[in-house]
């Protein structure tokens, strides 16, 4: 078996502190070690890596090019160890952790308000809910369960359809003049994850708009909704996400056309994880909730 290039945590901490202070003496003071101990740890790292990590110029300490590159990686490692340690400290011995990945606006507006019901039924399952904007993979063990919008195709995963949605245009009251048609030049707020939404909305009605792809672009529906509320433009968003705003009058529907979205909302888990008790408990609760609240 080849020799593993795995330095000790002490060596990494000594290197990081020395690099941050550009001083072995100050690093030693911070870590409650002697200056020679810090120097020895760094020397052992340099020997293992076959690269000098520091260089001295006129008695001043600087990072070498290799040291600068290594520092970036070491900081990531130390930070992850710190996060993981604090993570474990928050849970008791009888508690299981269920990691859930969700898209931001869906999580904020639809999922999170419902989770207290699951927590009440399963007090020993601690939920760790994380937002995911970029494409993520439930098979890479970053999450036990993932909520996503799409076609329900995820190789190696079991996907359960939760519900379908329809999108509506919304804006602040008074933003669109009464009688103004949708093809007029209004500011259309674009959501990065649904770049074709406005174009499809016009196309389904047999309308043409030169600015269906134009307009301010936002990462999340939440941002689009807030921008619409502020009077920035018209957002095209899933109706279930703005039910509260439509009810309280902070948003209105300027043009009465509702378009079914091409995809649906799914819950997914790795195929091999379906019988894990905490995963099974959450899936059963979610399916049961939707059966009891078809209009949620």
C-alpha atoms as a PDB file:
ATOM      1  CA  UNK A   1       0.000   0.000   0.000  1.00  0.00           C
ATOM      2  CA  UNK A   2       1.378   3.401  -0.934  1.00  0.00           C
ATOM      3  CA  UNK A   3       2.237   5.853   1.821  1.00  0.00           C
ATOM      4  CA  UNK A   4      -0.667   8.167   2.637  1.00  0.00           C
ATOM      5  CA  UNK A   5       0.056  11.871   2.515  1.00  0.00           C
ATOM      6  CA  UNK A   6      -1.891  12.648   5.678  1.00  0.00           C
ATOM      7  CA  UNK A   7      -0.270  15.182   7.988  1.00  0.00           C
ATOM      8  CA  UNK A   8      -1.314  15.533  11.608  1.00  0.00           C
ATOM      9  CA  UNK A   9      -3.867  18.114  12.716  1.00  0.00           C
ATOM     10  CA  UNK A  10      -1.136  19.684  14.853  1.00  0.00           C
ATOM     11  CA  UNK A  11       1.049  20.195  11.793  1.00  0.00           C
ATOM     12  CA  UNK A  12      -1.810  21.762   9.837  1.00  0.00           C
ATOM     13  CA  UNK A  13      -2.721  24.058  12.732  1.00  0.00           C
ATOM     14  CA  UNK A  14       0.900  25.141  13.131  1.00  0.00           C
ATOM     15  CA  UNK A  15       1.232  25.882   9.432  1.00  0.00           C
ATOM     16  CA  UNK A  16      -2.071  27.804   9.274  1.00  0.00           C
ATOM     17  CA  UNK A  17      -1.247  29.928  12.328  1.00  0.00           C
ATOM     18  CA  UNK A  18       2.285  30.649  11.114  1.00  0.00           C
ATOM     19  CA  UNK A  19       0.956  31.574   7.661  1.00  0.00           C
ATOM     20  CA  UNK A  20      -1.718  33.842   9.134  1.00  0.00           C
ATOM     21  CA  UNK A  21       0.704  35.688  11.419  1.00  0.00           C
ATOM     22  CA  UNK A  22       3.763  35.277   9.165  1.00  0.00           C
ATOM     23  CA  UNK A  23       5.561  34.499  12.388  1.00  0.00           C
ATOM     24  CA  UNK A  24       6.469  31.219  14.080  1.00  0.00           C
ATOM     25  CA  UNK A  25       6.721  33.029  17.409  1.00  0.00           C
ATOM     26  CA  UNK A  26       3.187  34.433  17.287  1.00  0.00           C
ATOM     27  CA  UNK A  27       1.844  31.103  16.034  1.00  0.00           C
ATOM     28  CA  UNK A  28       3.489  29.392  19.010  1.00  0.00           C
ATOM     29  CA  UNK A  29       1.922  31.877  21.436  1.00  0.00           C
ATOM     30  CA  UNK A  30      -1.539  31.305  19.938  1.00  0.00           C
ATOM     31  CA  UNK A  31      -1.237  27.517  20.034  1.00  0.00           C
ATOM     32  CA  UNK A  32       0.496  27.391  23.442  1.00  0.00           C
ATOM     33  CA  UNK A  33       3.524  25.658  21.971  1.00  0.00           C
ATOM     34  CA  UNK A  34       7.188  26.557  21.805  1.00  0.00           C
ATOM     35  CA  UNK A  35       8.561  28.327  18.761  1.00  0.00           C
ATOM     36  CA  UNK A  36      10.802  25.359  18.045  1.00  0.00           C
ATOM     37  CA  UNK A  37       7.821  22.977  18.161  1.00  0.00           C
ATOM     38  CA  UNK A  38       5.952  25.035  15.552  1.00  0.00           C
ATOM     39  CA  UNK A  39       9.067  25.249  13.402  1.00  0.00           C
ATOM     40  CA  UNK A  40       9.538  21.475  13.632  1.00  0.00           C
ATOM     41  CA  UNK A  41       5.933  20.760  12.617  1.00  0.00           C
ATOM     42  CA  UNK A  42       6.227  23.030   9.579  1.00  0.00           C
ATOM     43  CA  UNK A  43       9.570  21.465   8.632  1.00  0.00           C
ATOM     44  CA  UNK A  44       7.992  18.006   8.724  1.00  0.00           C
ATOM     45  CA  UNK A  45       5.204  19.244   6.450  1.00  0.00           C
ATOM     46  CA  UNK A  46       7.727  20.662   3.996  1.00  0.00           C
ATOM     47  CA  UNK A  47       9.636  17.373   3.988  1.00  0.00           C
ATOM     48  CA  UNK A  48       6.456  15.399   3.316  1.00  0.00           C
ATOM     49  CA  UNK A  49       5.292  17.757   0.537  1.00  0.00           C
ATOM     50  CA  UNK A  50       8.763  18.140  -1.015  1.00  0.00           C
ATOM     51  CA  UNK A  51       8.176  21.897  -1.238  1.00  0.00           C
ATOM     52  CA  UNK A  52       9.184  24.833   0.951  1.00  0.00           C
ATOM     53  CA  UNK A  53       6.085  26.500   2.411  1.00  0.00           C
ATOM     54  CA  UNK A  54       7.841  29.639   3.628  1.00  0.00           C
ATOM     55  CA  UNK A  55      10.740  31.751   2.537  1.00  0.00           C
ATOM     56  CA  UNK A  56      12.675  34.439   4.349  1.00  0.00           C
ATOM     57  CA  UNK A  57      13.594  37.751   2.752  1.00  0.00           C
ATOM     58  CA  UNK A  58      15.687  40.132   4.892  1.00  0.00           C
ATOM     59  CA  UNK A  59      14.668  38.295   8.052  1.00  0.00           C
ATOM     60  CA  UNK A  60      10.957  38.565   7.218  1.00  0.00           C
ATOM     61  CA  UNK A  61       8.808  35.487   6.739  1.00  0.00           C
ATOM     62  CA  UNK A  62       6.714  35.090   3.569  1.00  0.00           C
ATOM     63  CA  UNK A  63       4.649  32.291   2.116  1.00  0.00           C
ATOM     64  CA  UNK A  64       6.185  30.549  -0.873  1.00  0.00           C
ATOM     65  CA  UNK A  65       4.004  29.995  -3.973  1.00  0.00           C
ATOM     66  CA  UNK A  66       3.439  26.403  -2.829  1.00  0.00           C
ATOM     67  CA  UNK A  67       2.647  27.659   0.671  1.00  0.00           C
ATOM     68  CA  UNK A  68      -0.013  30.036  -0.633  1.00  0.00           C
ATOM     69  CA  UNK A  69      -1.722  27.229  -2.547  1.00  0.00           C
ATOM     70  CA  UNK A  70      -1.506  24.845   0.385  1.00  0.00           C
ATOM     71  CA  UNK A  71      -2.884  27.430   2.816  1.00  0.00           C
ATOM     72  CA  UNK A  72      -6.156  27.659   0.868  1.00  0.00           C
ATOM     73  CA  UNK A  73      -6.696  23.910   1.142  1.00  0.00           C
ATOM     74  CA  UNK A  74      -5.608  23.666   4.770  1.00  0.00           C
ATOM     75  CA  UNK A  75      -8.037  26.387   5.803  1.00  0.00           C
ATOM     76  CA  UNK A  76     -10.880  24.503   4.125  1.00  0.00           C
ATOM     77  CA  UNK A  77      -9.921  21.339   6.007  1.00  0.00           C
ATOM     78  CA  UNK A  78      -9.624  23.028   9.400  1.00  0.00           C
ATOM     79  CA  UNK A  79     -12.858  24.896   8.861  1.00  0.00           C
ATOM     80  CA  UNK A  80     -14.693  21.692   7.935  1.00  0.00           C
ATOM     81  CA  UNK A  81     -13.336  19.898  11.001  1.00  0.00           C
ATOM     82  CA  UNK A  82     -14.505  22.798  13.176  1.00  0.00           C
ATOM     83  CA  UNK A  83     -17.973  22.775  11.588  1.00  0.00           C
ATOM     84  CA  UNK A  84     -18.264  18.991  11.934  1.00  0.00           C
ATOM     85  CA  UNK A  85     -17.216  19.077  15.585  1.00  0.00           C
ATOM     86  CA  UNK A  86     -19.703  21.807  16.454  1.00  0.00           C
ATOM     87  CA  UNK A  87     -22.321  19.922  14.465  1.00  0.00           C
ATOM     88  CA  UNK A  88     -21.940  16.804  16.608  1.00  0.00           C
ATOM     89  CA  UNK A  89     -21.947  18.819  19.843  1.00  0.00           C
ATOM     90  CA  UNK A  90     -25.480  20.038  19.138  1.00  0.00           C
ATOM     91  CA  UNK A  91     -27.030  16.580  19.324  1.00  0.00           C
ATOM     92  CA  UNK A  92     -27.676  14.187  22.173  1.00  0.00           C
ATOM     93  CA  UNK A  93     -26.798  10.514  22.077  1.00  0.00           C
ATOM     94  CA  UNK A  94     -30.354   9.437  21.263  1.00  0.00           C
ATOM     95  CA  UNK A  95     -30.774  11.853  18.364  1.00  0.00           C
ATOM     96  CA  UNK A  96     -30.546  11.002  14.672  1.00  0.00           C
ATOM     97  CA  UNK A  97     -29.835  13.641  12.064  1.00  0.00           C
ATOM     98  CA  UNK A  98     -31.868  13.792   8.853  1.00  0.00           C
ATOM     99  CA  UNK A  99     -30.201  15.996   6.276  1.00  0.00           C
ATOM    100  CA  UNK A 100     -32.585  17.690   3.864  1.00  0.00           C
ATOM    101  CA  UNK A 101     -31.625  19.643   0.741  1.00  0.00           C
ATOM    102  CA  UNK A 102     -34.129  22.065  -0.724  1.00  0.00           C
ATOM    103  CA  UNK A 103     -34.296  24.989  -3.081  1.00  0.00           C
ATOM    104  CA  UNK A 104     -34.401  28.297  -1.169  1.00  0.00           C
ATOM    105  CA  UNK A 105     -37.870  29.697  -1.891  1.00  0.00           C
ATOM    106  CA  UNK A 106     -39.567  26.305  -1.786  1.00  0.00           C
ATOM    107  CA  UNK A 107     -37.930  25.622   1.547  1.00  0.00           C
ATOM    108  CA  UNK A 108     -38.716  29.017   3.029  1.00  0.00           C
ATOM    109  CA  UNK A 109     -42.303  29.328   1.869  1.00  0.00           C
ATOM    110  CA  UNK A 110     -43.607  25.793   1.624  1.00  0.00           C
ATOM    111  CA  UNK A 111     -41.470  23.260   3.471  1.00  0.00           C
ATOM    112  CA  UNK A 112     -40.195  24.916   6.652  1.00  0.00           C
ATOM    113  CA  UNK A 113     -43.606  26.003   8.027  1.00  0.00           C
ATOM    114  CA  UNK A 114     -44.706  22.344   7.947  1.00  0.00           C
ATOM    115  CA  UNK A 115     -41.685  20.773   9.625  1.00  0.00           C
ATOM    116  CA  UNK A 116     -42.812  21.414  13.188  1.00  0.00           C
ATOM    117  CA  UNK A 117     -45.495  18.755  12.660  1.00  0.00           C
ATOM    118  CA  UNK A 118     -42.867  16.169  11.752  1.00  0.00           C
ATOM    119  CA  UNK A 119     -40.691  17.223  14.691  1.00  0.00           C
ATOM    120  CA  UNK A 120     -43.600  16.762  17.090  1.00  0.00           C
ATOM    121  CA  UNK A 121     -44.163  13.214  15.830  1.00  0.00           C
ATOM    122  CA  UNK A 122     -40.464  12.291  15.708  1.00  0.00           C
ATOM    123  CA  UNK A 123     -38.635  14.165  18.500  1.00  0.00           C
ATOM    124  CA  UNK A 124     -35.503  12.002  18.203  1.00  0.00           C
ATOM    125  CA  UNK A 125     -34.944  12.962  14.554  1.00  0.00           C
ATOM    126  CA  UNK A 126     -33.081  16.250  14.312  1.00  0.00           C
ATOM    127  CA  UNK A 127     -33.577  18.007  10.973  1.00  0.00           C
ATOM    128  CA  UNK A 128     -30.675  19.688   9.219  1.00  0.00           C
ATOM    129  CA  UNK A 129     -32.191  21.698   6.352  1.00  0.00           C
ATOM    130  CA  UNK A 130     -29.900  23.284   3.789  1.00  0.00           C
ATOM    131  CA  UNK A 131     -30.521  25.468   0.775  1.00  0.00           C
ATOM    132  CA  UNK A 132     -29.128  24.315  -2.541  1.00  0.00           C
ATOM    133  CA  UNK A 133     -29.000  26.620  -5.544  1.00  0.00           C
ATOM    134  CA  UNK A 134     -26.519  24.711  -7.657  1.00  0.00           C
ATOM    135  CA  UNK A 135     -27.275  21.220  -8.982  1.00  0.00           C
ATOM    136  CA  UNK A 136     -26.759  18.758  -6.144  1.00  0.00           C
ATOM    137  CA  UNK A 137     -26.546  14.989  -5.874  1.00  0.00           C
ATOM    138  CA  UNK A 138     -28.388  13.086  -3.162  1.00  0.00           C
ATOM    139  CA  UNK A 139     -26.209  10.091  -4.019  1.00  0.00           C
ATOM    140  CA  UNK A 140     -23.070  11.864  -2.795  1.00  0.00           C
ATOM    141  CA  UNK A 141     -24.283  11.710   0.814  1.00  0.00           C
ATOM    142  CA  UNK A 142     -24.621  15.475   1.216  1.00  0.00           C
ATOM    143  CA  UNK A 143     -28.293  14.932   1.988  1.00  0.00           C
ATOM    144  CA  UNK A 144     -30.507  12.038   2.997  1.00  0.00           C
ATOM    145  CA  UNK A 145     -33.523  13.569   1.281  1.00  0.00           C
ATOM    146  CA  UNK A 146     -33.753  16.197  -1.445  1.00  0.00           C
ATOM    147  CA  UNK A 147     -36.651  18.285  -2.689  1.00  0.00           C
ATOM    148  CA  UNK A 148     -36.351  19.393  -6.284  1.00  0.00           C
ATOM    149  CA  UNK A 149     -38.359  20.647  -9.230  1.00  0.00           C
ATOM    150  CA  UNK A 150     -38.055  18.859 -12.545  1.00  0.00           C
ATOM    151  CA  UNK A 151     -39.043  15.747 -14.459  1.00  0.00           C
ATOM    152  CA  UNK A 152     -38.438  13.196 -11.710  1.00  0.00           C
ATOM    153  CA  UNK A 153     -35.497  11.548 -13.422  1.00  0.00           C
ATOM    154  CA  UNK A 154     -32.495  11.019 -11.151  1.00  0.00           C
ATOM    155  CA  UNK A 155     -30.378   7.896 -11.869  1.00  0.00           C
ATOM    156  CA  UNK A 156     -29.748   5.885  -8.732  1.00  0.00           C
ATOM    157  CA  UNK A 157     -32.427   7.713  -6.758  1.00  0.00           C
ATOM    158  CA  UNK A 158     -36.060   7.072  -5.927  1.00  0.00           C
ATOM    159  CA  UNK A 159     -38.198  10.088  -6.820  1.00  0.00           C
ATOM    160  CA  UNK A 160     -41.728  10.605  -5.511  1.00  0.00           C
ATOM    161  CA  UNK A 161     -43.906  13.248  -7.134  1.00  0.00           C
ATOM    162  CA  UNK A 162     -45.405  15.607  -4.562  1.00  0.00           C
ATOM    163  CA  UNK A 163     -47.448  18.063  -6.584  1.00  0.00           C
ATOM    164  CA  UNK A 164     -47.593  20.062  -9.778  1.00  0.00           C
ATOM    165  CA  UNK A 165     -47.695  23.816  -9.931  1.00  0.00           C
ATOM    166  CA  UNK A 166     -48.920  26.657 -12.113  1.00  0.00           C
ATOM    167  CA  UNK A 167     -47.285  30.052 -12.538  1.00  0.00           C
ATOM    168  CA  UNK A 168     -48.976  33.457 -12.580  1.00  0.00           C
ATOM    169  CA  UNK A 169     -47.728  36.978 -13.245  1.00  0.00           C
ATOM    170  CA  UNK A 170     -47.685  39.171 -10.131  1.00  0.00           C
ATOM    171  CA  UNK A 171     -46.827  42.794  -9.459  1.00  0.00           C
ATOM    172  CA  UNK A 172     -47.369  45.516  -6.905  1.00  0.00           C
ATOM    173  CA  UNK A 173     -50.868  47.069  -6.941  1.00  0.00           C
ATOM    174  CA  UNK A 174     -50.974  49.894  -9.462  1.00  0.00           C
ATOM    175  CA  UNK A 175     -47.767  48.882 -11.237  1.00  0.00           C
ATOM    176  CA  UNK A 176     -49.650  47.801 -14.371  1.00  0.00           C
ATOM    177  CA  UNK A 177     -52.226  50.239 -15.689  1.00  0.00           C
ATOM    178  CA  UNK A 178     -55.754  48.830 -15.851  1.00  0.00           C
ATOM    179  CA  UNK A 179     -56.470  47.519 -19.342  1.00  0.00           C
ATOM    180  CA  UNK A 180     -52.790  47.345 -20.270  1.00  0.00           C
ATOM    181  CA  UNK A 181     -52.115  44.144 -22.184  1.00  0.00           C
ATOM    182  CA  UNK A 182     -49.306  41.736 -21.424  1.00  0.00           C
ATOM    183  CA  UNK A 183     -47.447  42.409 -24.651  1.00  0.00           C
ATOM    184  CA  UNK A 184     -46.841  46.022 -23.642  1.00  0.00           C
ATOM    185  CA  UNK A 185     -43.310  46.893 -22.613  1.00  0.00           C
ATOM    186  CA  UNK A 186     -43.349  46.187 -18.901  1.00  0.00           C
ATOM    187  CA  UNK A 187     -40.282  45.228 -16.898  1.00  0.00           C
ATOM    188  CA  UNK A 188     -40.317  41.441 -16.696  1.00  0.00           C
ATOM    189  CA  UNK A 189     -38.476  40.004 -13.707  1.00  0.00           C
ATOM    190  CA  UNK A 190     -36.545  36.878 -14.701  1.00  0.00           C
ATOM    191  CA  UNK A 191     -35.721  33.904 -12.466  1.00  0.00           C
ATOM    192  CA  UNK A 192     -32.382  32.299 -13.315  1.00  0.00           C
ATOM    193  CA  UNK A 193     -33.687  28.763 -12.742  1.00  0.00           C
ATOM    194  CA  UNK A 194     -36.595  29.258 -15.190  1.00  0.00           C
ATOM    195  CA  UNK A 195     -35.045  31.214 -18.094  1.00  0.00           C
ATOM    196  CA  UNK A 196     -37.771  30.156 -20.566  1.00  0.00           C
ATOM    197  CA  UNK A 197     -40.745  30.929 -18.312  1.00  0.00           C
ATOM    198  CA  UNK A 198     -41.860  34.282 -19.723  1.00  0.00           C
ATOM    199  CA  UNK A 199     -41.283  33.184 -23.314  1.00  0.00           C
ATOM    200  CA  UNK A 200     -43.431  30.066 -22.740  1.00  0.00           C
ATOM    201  CA  UNK A 201     -46.123  32.125 -20.987  1.00  0.00           C
ATOM    202  CA  UNK A 202     -46.485  34.425 -23.996  1.00  0.00           C
ATOM    203  CA  UNK A 203     -46.207  31.564 -26.506  1.00  0.00           C
ATOM    204  CA  UNK A 204     -49.007  29.533 -24.897  1.00  0.00           C
ATOM    205  CA  UNK A 205     -51.360  32.468 -25.404  1.00  0.00           C
ATOM    206  CA  UNK A 206     -50.317  33.040 -28.990  1.00  0.00           C
ATOM    207  CA  UNK A 207     -48.698  36.330 -27.998  1.00  0.00           C
ATOM    208  CA  UNK A 208     -45.339  37.703 -28.992  1.00  0.00           C
ATOM    209  CA  UNK A 209     -43.187  39.906 -26.838  1.00  0.00           C
ATOM    210  CA  UNK A 210     -39.782  41.165 -27.856  1.00  0.00           C
ATOM    211  CA  UNK A 211     -38.695  41.458 -24.243  1.00  0.00           C
ATOM    212  CA  UNK A 212     -39.746  38.011 -22.977  1.00  0.00           C
ATOM    213  CA  UNK A 213     -36.094  37.208 -22.228  1.00  0.00           C
ATOM    214  CA  UNK A 214     -35.202  40.706 -21.087  1.00  0.00           C
ATOM    215  CA  UNK A 215     -35.314  42.166 -17.622  1.00  0.00           C
ATOM    216  CA  UNK A 216     -33.528  42.011 -14.271  1.00  0.00           C
ATOM    217  CA  UNK A 217     -32.437  38.493 -13.403  1.00  0.00           C
ATOM    218  CA  UNK A 218     -32.620  36.969  -9.921  1.00  0.00           C
ATOM    219  CA  UNK A 219     -31.309  33.690  -8.506  1.00  0.00           C
ATOM    220  CA  UNK A 220     -34.447  32.778  -6.583  1.00  0.00           C
ATOM    221  CA  UNK A 221     -38.209  33.175  -6.732  1.00  0.00           C
ATOM    222  CA  UNK A 222     -38.011  34.842  -3.333  1.00  0.00           C
ATOM    223  CA  UNK A 223     -35.959  37.666  -4.856  1.00  0.00           C
ATOM    224  CA  UNK A 224     -38.372  37.948  -7.778  1.00  0.00           C
ATOM    225  CA  UNK A 225     -41.309  38.175  -5.383  1.00  0.00           C
ATOM    226  CA  UNK A 226     -39.638  40.859  -3.287  1.00  0.00           C
ATOM    227  CA  UNK A 227     -38.699  42.806  -6.418  1.00  0.00           C
ATOM    228  CA  UNK A 228     -42.293  42.643  -7.638  1.00  0.00           C
ATOM    229  CA  UNK A 229     -43.574  43.853  -4.264  1.00  0.00           C
ATOM    230  CA  UNK A 230     -41.220  46.824  -4.422  1.00  0.00           C
ATOM    231  CA  UNK A 231     -42.637  47.904  -7.791  1.00  0.00           C
ATOM    232  CA  UNK A 232     -39.584  46.849  -9.791  1.00  0.00           C
ATOM    233  CA  UNK A 233     -41.534  44.840 -12.366  1.00  0.00           C
ATOM    234  CA  UNK A 234     -43.787  41.858 -13.029  1.00  0.00           C
ATOM    235  CA  UNK A 235     -42.667  38.437 -11.785  1.00  0.00           C
ATOM    236  CA  UNK A 236     -43.834  35.087 -13.125  1.00  0.00           C
ATOM    237  CA  UNK A 237     -43.926  32.766 -10.131  1.00  0.00           C
ATOM    238  CA  UNK A 238     -45.652  29.612  -8.865  1.00  0.00           C
ATOM    239  CA  UNK A 239     -49.011  30.662  -7.461  1.00  0.00           C
ATOM    240  CA  UNK A 240     -48.644  28.635  -4.264  1.00  0.00           C
ATOM    241  CA  UNK A 241     -45.587  30.714  -3.339  1.00  0.00           C
ATOM    242  CA  UNK A 242     -47.523  33.994  -3.329  1.00  0.00           C
ATOM    243  CA  UNK A 243     -50.852  32.897  -1.843  1.00  0.00           C
ATOM    244  CA  UNK A 244     -50.277  35.047   1.246  1.00  0.00           C
ATOM    245  CA  UNK A 245     -49.304  38.164  -0.718  1.00  0.00           C
ATOM    246  CA  UNK A 246     -52.278  37.804  -3.047  1.00  0.00           C
ATOM    247  CA  UNK A 247     -54.571  37.407  -0.043  1.00  0.00           C
ATOM    248  CA  UNK A 248     -53.256  40.468   1.805  1.00  0.00           C
ATOM    249  CA  UNK A 249     -53.124  42.644  -1.311  1.00  0.00           C
ATOM    250  CA  UNK A 250     -49.378  43.305  -1.386  1.00  0.00           C
ATOM    251  CA  UNK A 251     -49.326  41.630  -4.812  1.00  0.00           C
ATOM    252  CA  UNK A 252     -51.892  41.405  -7.576  1.00  0.00           C
ATOM    253  CA  UNK A 253     -52.321  39.386 -10.780  1.00  0.00           C
ATOM    254  CA  UNK A 254     -52.292  41.916 -13.646  1.00  0.00           C
ATOM    255  CA  UNK A 255     -53.126  39.496 -16.475  1.00  0.00           C
ATOM    256  CA  UNK A 256     -55.449  36.592 -15.861  1.00  0.00           C
ATOM    257  CA  UNK A 257     -53.606  33.678 -17.428  1.00  0.00           C
ATOM    258  CA  UNK A 258     -52.301  30.789 -15.340  1.00  0.00           C
ATOM    259  CA  UNK A 259     -49.755  28.501 -16.989  1.00  0.00           C
ATOM    260  CA  UNK A 260     -49.128  24.945 -15.768  1.00  0.00           C
ATOM    261  CA  UNK A 261     -45.404  24.363 -15.294  1.00  0.00           C
ATOM    262  CA  UNK A 262     -43.737  21.678 -17.375  1.00  0.00           C
ATOM    263  CA  UNK A 263     -42.277  19.892 -14.353  1.00  0.00           C
ATOM    264  CA  UNK A 264     -43.370  18.940 -10.859  1.00  0.00           C
ATOM    265  CA  UNK A 265     -42.033  18.999  -7.317  1.00  0.00           C
ATOM    266  CA  UNK A 266     -40.401  15.774  -6.154  1.00  0.00           C
ATOM    267  CA  UNK A 267     -38.855  14.336  -3.039  1.00  0.00           C
ATOM    268  CA  UNK A 268     -35.883  12.055  -3.666  1.00  0.00           C
ATOM    269  CA  UNK A 269     -33.525   9.760  -1.810  1.00  0.00           C
ATOM    270  CA  UNK A 270     -30.833   7.290  -2.788  1.00  0.00           C
ATOM    271  CA  UNK A 271     -32.375   3.950  -3.772  1.00  0.00           C
ATOM    272  CA  UNK A 272     -30.536   2.108  -1.007  1.00  0.00           C
ATOM    273  CA  UNK A 273     -31.772   4.562   1.655  1.00  0.00           C
ATOM    274  CA  UNK A 274     -35.502   3.919   1.352  1.00  0.00           C
ATOM    275  CA  UNK A 275     -35.606   1.503   4.311  1.00  0.00           C
ATOM    276  CA  UNK A 276     -33.556   3.641   6.692  1.00  0.00           C
ATOM    277  CA  UNK A 277     -36.012   4.391   9.529  1.00  0.00           C
ATOM    278  CA  UNK A 278     -35.511   8.170   9.644  1.00  0.00           C
ATOM    279  CA  UNK A 279     -35.857   8.456   5.854  1.00  0.00           C
ATOM    280  CA  UNK A 280     -38.890   6.186   5.788  1.00  0.00           C
ATOM    281  CA  UNK A 281     -40.513   8.144   8.627  1.00  0.00           C
ATOM    282  CA  UNK A 282     -40.087  11.436   6.796  1.00  0.00           C
ATOM    283  CA  UNK A 283     -41.366  10.066   3.489  1.00  0.00           C
ATOM    284  CA  UNK A 284     -44.439   8.573   5.142  1.00  0.00           C
ATOM    285  CA  UNK A 285     -45.130  11.827   6.965  1.00  0.00           C
ATOM    286  CA  UNK A 286     -44.731  13.906   3.789  1.00  0.00           C
ATOM    287  CA  UNK A 287     -47.006  11.684   1.720  1.00  0.00           C
ATOM    288  CA  UNK A 288     -49.550  11.631   4.536  1.00  0.00           C
ATOM    289  CA  UNK A 289     -49.458  15.389   4.896  1.00  0.00           C
ATOM    290  CA  UNK A 290     -50.217  15.935   1.223  1.00  0.00           C
ATOM    291  CA  UNK A 291     -53.023  13.385   1.308  1.00  0.00           C
ATOM    292  CA  UNK A 292     -54.593  15.247   4.236  1.00  0.00           C
ATOM    293  CA  UNK A 293     -53.969  18.691   2.715  1.00  0.00           C
ATOM    294  CA  UNK A 294     -54.475  18.338  -1.059  1.00  0.00           C
ATOM    295  CA  UNK A 295     -54.635  22.118  -1.440  1.00  0.00           C
ATOM    296  CA  UNK A 296     -52.020  22.689   1.274  1.00  0.00           C
END
